[in-house]
Structures are given as C-alpha cells and as structure tokens.
N, C-alpha and C. Protein backbone atom coordinates (compact mmCIF):
# COMPACT_ATOMS: atom_id res chain seq x y z
N MET A 1 -32.78 44.37 -52.22
CA MET A 1 -32.31 43.32 -51.37
C MET A 1 -33.43 42.80 -50.50
N SER A 2 -33.43 41.55 -50.48
CA SER A 2 -34.46 40.97 -49.62
C SER A 2 -33.77 40.11 -48.56
N PHE A 3 -34.20 40.25 -47.38
CA PHE A 3 -33.68 39.47 -46.27
C PHE A 3 -34.66 38.35 -45.96
N GLU A 4 -34.12 37.19 -45.85
CA GLU A 4 -34.98 36.08 -45.49
C GLU A 4 -34.74 35.74 -44.03
N ILE A 5 -35.76 35.55 -43.35
CA ILE A 5 -35.67 35.15 -41.95
C ILE A 5 -35.71 33.63 -41.92
N LEU A 6 -34.65 33.09 -41.38
CA LEU A 6 -34.58 31.64 -41.28
C LEU A 6 -35.25 31.21 -39.98
N ALA A 7 -36.20 30.42 -40.10
CA ALA A 7 -36.89 29.90 -38.93
C ALA A 7 -36.25 28.57 -38.57
N VAL A 8 -35.70 28.49 -37.38
CA VAL A 8 -35.05 27.28 -36.92
C VAL A 8 -35.85 26.76 -35.75
N SER A 9 -36.15 25.51 -35.81
CA SER A 9 -36.94 24.93 -34.73
C SER A 9 -36.05 24.71 -33.50
N GLN A 10 -36.66 24.51 -32.37
CA GLN A 10 -35.94 24.29 -31.10
C GLN A 10 -35.13 23.00 -31.18
N GLN A 11 -35.65 21.99 -31.84
CA GLN A 11 -34.95 20.72 -31.97
C GLN A 11 -33.66 20.89 -32.77
N GLN A 12 -33.70 21.69 -33.84
CA GLN A 12 -32.51 21.93 -34.64
C GLN A 12 -31.47 22.71 -33.84
N LEU A 13 -31.91 23.65 -33.02
CA LEU A 13 -30.98 24.39 -32.15
C LEU A 13 -30.32 23.47 -31.13
N ASN A 14 -31.08 22.55 -30.57
CA ASN A 14 -30.53 21.60 -29.59
C ASN A 14 -29.47 20.73 -30.25
N VAL A 15 -29.71 20.28 -31.47
CA VAL A 15 -28.73 19.47 -32.18
C VAL A 15 -27.47 20.29 -32.45
N PHE A 16 -27.64 21.54 -32.84
CA PHE A 16 -26.49 22.41 -33.11
C PHE A 16 -25.64 22.60 -31.86
N TRP A 17 -26.29 22.90 -30.73
CA TRP A 17 -25.55 23.13 -29.49
C TRP A 17 -24.91 21.83 -28.98
N ALA A 18 -25.55 20.70 -29.19
CA ALA A 18 -24.95 19.43 -28.82
C ALA A 18 -23.69 19.16 -29.65
N PHE A 19 -23.76 19.51 -30.95
CA PHE A 19 -22.59 19.35 -31.82
C PHE A 19 -21.45 20.26 -31.35
N ILE A 20 -21.75 21.50 -31.05
CA ILE A 20 -20.72 22.45 -30.56
C ILE A 20 -20.16 21.96 -29.23
N GLY A 21 -21.00 21.47 -28.33
CA GLY A 21 -20.52 20.94 -27.05
C GLY A 21 -19.61 19.74 -27.25
N GLY A 22 -19.97 18.86 -28.18
CA GLY A 22 -19.12 17.71 -28.48
C GLY A 22 -17.77 18.13 -29.02
N MET A 23 -17.76 19.15 -29.86
CA MET A 23 -16.49 19.65 -30.41
C MET A 23 -15.62 20.24 -29.29
N VAL A 24 -16.23 20.95 -28.35
CA VAL A 24 -15.48 21.53 -27.23
C VAL A 24 -14.90 20.41 -26.36
N ILE A 25 -15.70 19.40 -26.06
CA ILE A 25 -15.23 18.30 -25.22
C ILE A 25 -14.12 17.52 -25.92
N SER A 26 -14.29 17.22 -27.20
CA SER A 26 -13.24 16.49 -27.91
C SER A 26 -11.97 17.33 -28.01
N GLY A 27 -12.10 18.63 -28.19
CA GLY A 27 -10.91 19.50 -28.20
C GLY A 27 -10.20 19.49 -26.86
N ALA A 28 -10.97 19.49 -25.76
CA ALA A 28 -10.37 19.45 -24.43
C ALA A 28 -9.66 18.12 -24.20
N LEU A 29 -10.24 17.02 -24.67
CA LEU A 29 -9.60 15.72 -24.52
C LEU A 29 -8.31 15.64 -25.34
N ILE A 30 -8.32 16.15 -26.54
CA ILE A 30 -7.11 16.15 -27.37
C ILE A 30 -6.03 16.99 -26.69
N TRP A 31 -6.41 18.16 -26.14
CA TRP A 31 -5.43 19.01 -25.45
C TRP A 31 -4.86 18.28 -24.23
N ALA A 32 -5.71 17.56 -23.47
CA ALA A 32 -5.24 16.85 -22.27
C ALA A 32 -4.27 15.73 -22.64
N VAL A 33 -4.53 15.01 -23.73
CA VAL A 33 -3.63 13.94 -24.15
C VAL A 33 -2.29 14.52 -24.59
N ARG A 34 -2.31 15.61 -25.33
CA ARG A 34 -1.05 16.22 -25.78
C ARG A 34 -0.26 16.77 -24.59
N LEU A 35 -0.96 17.34 -23.60
CA LEU A 35 -0.28 17.82 -22.40
C LEU A 35 0.36 16.65 -21.65
N GLY A 36 -0.37 15.54 -21.51
CA GLY A 36 0.18 14.36 -20.84
C GLY A 36 1.39 13.81 -21.57
N MET A 37 1.35 13.82 -22.90
CA MET A 37 2.49 13.33 -23.67
C MET A 37 3.71 14.23 -23.47
N SER A 38 3.49 15.55 -23.42
CA SER A 38 4.64 16.44 -23.22
C SER A 38 5.21 16.30 -21.81
N VAL A 39 4.36 16.08 -20.81
CA VAL A 39 4.84 15.87 -19.44
C VAL A 39 5.65 14.58 -19.37
N ARG A 40 5.16 13.53 -20.03
CA ARG A 40 5.86 12.25 -20.02
C ARG A 40 7.20 12.34 -20.74
N ASP A 41 7.28 13.16 -21.78
CA ASP A 41 8.55 13.32 -22.48
C ASP A 41 9.61 13.98 -21.61
N ARG A 42 9.18 14.79 -20.63
CA ARG A 42 10.13 15.47 -19.74
C ARG A 42 10.58 14.61 -18.59
N GLU A 43 9.92 13.47 -18.33
CA GLU A 43 10.30 12.58 -17.23
C GLU A 43 11.59 11.85 -17.55
N PRO A 44 12.35 11.45 -16.51
CA PRO A 44 13.56 10.67 -16.77
C PRO A 44 13.20 9.30 -17.33
N PRO A 45 14.10 8.69 -18.09
CA PRO A 45 13.79 7.39 -18.69
C PRO A 45 13.69 6.29 -17.62
N CYS A 46 13.09 5.16 -18.00
CA CYS A 46 12.97 4.02 -17.10
C CYS A 46 14.36 3.46 -16.79
N PRO A 47 14.57 2.88 -15.61
CA PRO A 47 15.89 2.33 -15.29
C PRO A 47 16.22 1.14 -16.18
N LYS A 48 17.50 1.01 -16.49
CA LYS A 48 17.97 -0.11 -17.31
C LYS A 48 18.09 -1.36 -16.43
N PRO A 49 18.15 -2.55 -17.03
CA PRO A 49 18.26 -3.76 -16.20
C PRO A 49 19.49 -3.77 -15.29
N GLU A 50 20.59 -3.17 -15.72
CA GLU A 50 21.78 -3.17 -14.86
C GLU A 50 21.65 -2.20 -13.68
N ASP A 51 20.65 -1.30 -13.73
CA ASP A 51 20.41 -0.38 -12.61
C ASP A 51 19.61 -1.02 -11.49
N HIS A 52 18.97 -2.16 -11.75
CA HIS A 52 18.16 -2.83 -10.74
C HIS A 52 19.06 -3.60 -9.77
N PRO A 53 18.60 -3.80 -8.52
CA PRO A 53 19.42 -4.56 -7.58
C PRO A 53 19.53 -6.03 -7.98
N HIS A 54 20.65 -6.67 -7.65
CA HIS A 54 20.81 -8.10 -7.91
C HIS A 54 21.26 -8.82 -6.65
N LEU A 55 21.24 -10.15 -6.74
CA LEU A 55 21.62 -10.98 -5.59
C LEU A 55 23.09 -10.76 -5.22
N PRO A 56 23.43 -10.84 -3.95
CA PRO A 56 24.83 -10.76 -3.57
C PRO A 56 25.58 -11.99 -4.08
N ASP A 57 26.92 -11.89 -4.14
CA ASP A 57 27.74 -13.01 -4.64
C ASP A 57 27.57 -14.26 -3.78
N SER A 58 27.25 -14.07 -2.51
CA SER A 58 27.10 -15.22 -1.61
C SER A 58 25.77 -15.94 -1.80
N GLY A 59 24.88 -15.42 -2.61
CA GLY A 59 23.59 -16.05 -2.86
C GLY A 59 22.48 -15.36 -2.10
N PRO A 60 21.28 -15.93 -2.17
CA PRO A 60 20.15 -15.28 -1.51
C PRO A 60 20.28 -15.34 0.01
N VAL A 61 19.70 -14.34 0.66
CA VAL A 61 19.72 -14.26 2.11
C VAL A 61 18.43 -14.89 2.61
N TYR A 62 18.54 -15.82 3.54
CA TYR A 62 17.37 -16.51 4.05
C TYR A 62 16.97 -15.94 5.39
N GLU A 63 15.70 -16.13 5.72
CA GLU A 63 15.22 -15.62 6.99
C GLU A 63 15.66 -16.54 8.12
N GLU A 64 15.75 -15.96 9.29
CA GLU A 64 16.10 -16.72 10.48
C GLU A 64 14.87 -16.83 11.34
N ARG A 65 14.66 -18.00 11.88
CA ARG A 65 13.53 -18.19 12.78
C ARG A 65 14.06 -18.43 14.18
N GLU A 66 13.39 -17.80 15.15
CA GLU A 66 13.75 -18.04 16.53
C GLU A 66 12.52 -17.86 17.40
N VAL A 67 12.51 -18.55 18.49
CA VAL A 67 11.42 -18.43 19.44
C VAL A 67 11.75 -17.27 20.36
N ARG A 68 10.76 -16.37 20.56
CA ARG A 68 10.99 -15.20 21.40
C ARG A 68 9.99 -15.22 22.54
N GLU A 69 10.36 -14.57 23.63
CA GLU A 69 9.48 -14.47 24.78
C GLU A 69 9.43 -13.01 25.22
N PRO A 70 8.36 -12.61 25.91
CA PRO A 70 8.25 -11.21 26.31
C PRO A 70 9.37 -10.81 27.28
N ASP A 71 9.84 -9.60 27.14
CA ASP A 71 10.87 -9.06 28.02
C ASP A 71 10.20 -8.09 28.98
N GLU A 72 10.36 -8.34 30.26
CA GLU A 72 9.71 -7.51 31.27
C GLU A 72 10.33 -6.11 31.32
N VAL A 73 9.50 -5.14 31.64
CA VAL A 73 9.98 -3.77 31.81
C VAL A 73 10.71 -3.70 33.15
N PRO A 74 11.91 -3.12 33.18
CA PRO A 74 12.63 -3.04 34.46
C PRO A 74 11.90 -2.15 35.46
N ARG A 75 12.04 -2.48 36.71
CA ARG A 75 11.39 -1.71 37.77
C ARG A 75 12.34 -0.62 38.28
N ALA A 76 11.76 0.49 38.69
CA ALA A 76 12.56 1.57 39.27
C ALA A 76 12.98 1.17 40.67
N GLY A 77 14.12 1.72 41.13
CA GLY A 77 14.64 1.38 42.46
C GLY A 77 13.67 1.75 43.56
N GLN A 78 13.16 2.95 43.55
CA GLN A 78 12.20 3.40 44.55
C GLN A 78 10.93 3.81 43.82
N GLU A 79 9.85 3.86 44.55
CA GLU A 79 8.58 4.18 43.91
C GLU A 79 8.55 5.63 43.43
N SER A 80 9.31 6.52 44.05
CA SER A 80 9.30 7.92 43.65
C SER A 80 10.17 8.16 42.40
N GLU A 81 11.03 7.20 42.07
CA GLU A 81 11.86 7.34 40.87
C GLU A 81 11.06 6.96 39.64
N ARG A 82 11.53 7.43 38.51
CA ARG A 82 10.92 7.01 37.26
C ARG A 82 12.02 6.57 36.30
N LEU A 83 11.64 5.70 35.40
CA LEU A 83 12.61 5.22 34.43
C LEU A 83 12.76 6.22 33.29
N MET A 84 13.96 6.40 32.86
CA MET A 84 14.25 7.29 31.73
C MET A 84 14.28 6.45 30.45
N PRO A 85 14.08 7.06 29.31
CA PRO A 85 14.06 6.29 28.06
C PRO A 85 15.33 5.48 27.82
N HIS A 86 16.48 6.00 28.24
CA HIS A 86 17.72 5.27 27.99
C HIS A 86 17.85 4.04 28.90
N GLU A 87 17.01 3.95 29.93
CA GLU A 87 17.04 2.80 30.81
C GLU A 87 16.14 1.65 30.32
N LEU A 88 15.30 1.94 29.34
CA LEU A 88 14.42 0.91 28.78
C LEU A 88 15.15 0.19 27.66
N ARG A 89 14.73 -1.03 27.39
CA ARG A 89 15.33 -1.80 26.31
C ARG A 89 14.67 -1.42 25.00
N HIS A 90 15.38 -1.64 23.91
CA HIS A 90 14.87 -1.24 22.59
C HIS A 90 13.86 -2.21 22.02
N CYS A 91 13.74 -3.38 22.58
CA CYS A 91 12.84 -4.40 22.02
C CYS A 91 11.96 -4.94 23.14
N ALA A 92 10.70 -5.25 22.80
CA ALA A 92 9.77 -5.73 23.82
C ALA A 92 9.87 -7.23 24.04
N SER A 93 10.71 -7.90 23.27
CA SER A 93 10.86 -9.34 23.45
C SER A 93 12.34 -9.70 23.40
N LYS A 94 12.64 -10.91 23.89
CA LYS A 94 14.03 -11.37 23.88
C LYS A 94 14.06 -12.80 23.39
N ARG A 95 15.24 -13.25 23.03
CA ARG A 95 15.41 -14.62 22.52
C ARG A 95 15.16 -15.60 23.66
N CYS A 96 14.36 -16.60 23.38
CA CYS A 96 14.03 -17.61 24.38
C CYS A 96 15.19 -18.59 24.50
N GLU A 97 15.45 -19.07 25.71
CA GLU A 97 16.52 -20.04 25.90
C GLU A 97 16.20 -21.36 25.21
N ASN A 98 14.94 -21.79 25.29
CA ASN A 98 14.51 -23.04 24.68
C ASN A 98 14.02 -22.73 23.26
N GLN A 99 14.77 -23.13 22.26
CA GLN A 99 14.43 -22.83 20.88
C GLN A 99 13.59 -23.92 20.22
N GLN A 100 13.11 -24.88 21.00
CA GLN A 100 12.24 -25.92 20.45
C GLN A 100 10.86 -25.31 20.16
N ARG A 101 10.36 -25.59 18.96
CA ARG A 101 9.04 -25.08 18.61
C ARG A 101 7.97 -25.80 19.41
N LYS A 102 6.94 -25.05 19.78
CA LYS A 102 5.82 -25.66 20.49
C LYS A 102 5.03 -26.49 19.49
N ARG A 103 4.74 -27.70 19.84
CA ARG A 103 4.02 -28.62 18.97
C ARG A 103 2.64 -28.90 19.54
N TRP A 104 1.76 -29.30 18.65
CA TRP A 104 0.42 -29.67 19.06
C TRP A 104 0.48 -31.02 19.76
N SER A 105 -0.22 -31.11 20.85
CA SER A 105 -0.26 -32.40 21.54
C SER A 105 -1.69 -32.93 21.49
N PRO A 106 -1.85 -34.23 21.32
CA PRO A 106 -3.19 -34.80 21.24
C PRO A 106 -3.99 -34.47 22.50
N GLY A 107 -5.26 -34.19 22.31
CA GLY A 107 -6.13 -33.88 23.43
C GLY A 107 -6.22 -32.40 23.73
N SER A 108 -5.35 -31.59 23.15
CA SER A 108 -5.45 -30.15 23.38
C SER A 108 -6.34 -29.58 22.29
N SER A 109 -6.80 -28.37 22.51
CA SER A 109 -7.76 -27.78 21.58
C SER A 109 -7.09 -27.43 20.27
N GLY A 110 -7.91 -27.38 19.23
CA GLY A 110 -7.42 -27.00 17.90
C GLY A 110 -7.62 -25.51 17.69
N ALA A 111 -7.70 -25.12 16.45
CA ALA A 111 -7.92 -23.72 16.14
C ALA A 111 -9.35 -23.33 16.46
N PHE A 112 -9.59 -22.05 16.56
CA PHE A 112 -10.94 -21.56 16.86
C PHE A 112 -11.89 -21.98 15.75
N GLY A 113 -13.00 -22.57 16.10
CA GLY A 113 -13.98 -22.99 15.12
C GLY A 113 -13.66 -24.29 14.42
N SER A 114 -12.66 -25.04 14.92
CA SER A 114 -12.28 -26.27 14.24
C SER A 114 -13.25 -27.41 14.54
N GLY A 115 -14.11 -27.22 15.51
CA GLY A 115 -15.07 -28.26 15.83
C GLY A 115 -14.54 -29.29 16.80
N GLY A 116 -13.30 -29.11 17.24
CA GLY A 116 -12.74 -30.06 18.18
C GLY A 116 -13.35 -29.91 19.57
N PRO A 117 -13.17 -30.92 20.44
CA PRO A 117 -13.79 -30.86 21.76
C PRO A 117 -13.08 -29.92 22.71
N GLY A 118 -11.89 -29.39 22.37
CA GLY A 118 -11.17 -28.55 23.29
C GLY A 118 -10.35 -29.38 24.24
N HIS A 119 -10.00 -28.81 25.39
CA HIS A 119 -9.21 -29.59 26.36
C HIS A 119 -10.06 -30.70 26.94
N VAL A 120 -9.51 -31.87 26.96
CA VAL A 120 -10.26 -33.01 27.47
C VAL A 120 -9.68 -33.45 28.79
C-alpha cells in the first residue's frame, strides 16, 4: 500500500472554506425563511371586508369649526388656600362669544418672511 500525500495550496484551501461558508450561510437563510413561513401560518387570517368599519347610515361626520379663546385659571379665595384638581376646568380654552373669523386687513403685516412692510 502506498499513501499519497496530497499537497493542497493555500489558495485552494481558501476556496474550499469559502464554499463551506457559503453553504452554511445559504442553509441558515433557508432555515430562516421556513421558520418565518411557519410563524406566518400560525397567525390569524387578514380581516374580511365586512369586518372593516363603514360609514354610519346618516353619512359621513364632518368637523366643526369654532373660534376659541383662552380660559383663565380661577383664583383661590385667600392667598393661603390652594386650588384642588376638581376646582380646575378640564380644558384650557373656551368657546368665544364672537364666532366671526379674524380676517386679514389691508396694511397689517403678512406672514413671517413674506416681504411685506409690516404695520404701516
């Protein structure tokens, strides 16, 4: 019996290990895709169109616009007293009595950087 010693160059070893590394990476990717598919199969199905919300019978609901003004914080009776949370109002603004929208008047300033002269 004769044994032959195979001489493999360093470049051939690098190619071999790169091939083995590629096989390991591709195997890991295949495993990850199969795992993702099995997880997705266990999820509940997508909702059907009849499960989605629809418009009420009265039609679409529109927004309401109103002019609001700041609501002052009530003052305590004496300086040594303090206000309790239940004595404060739930909203920092209130409905304005005058519901007319403020309009631009000629001669007043425009938006910031508009190039207008400002108040004249």
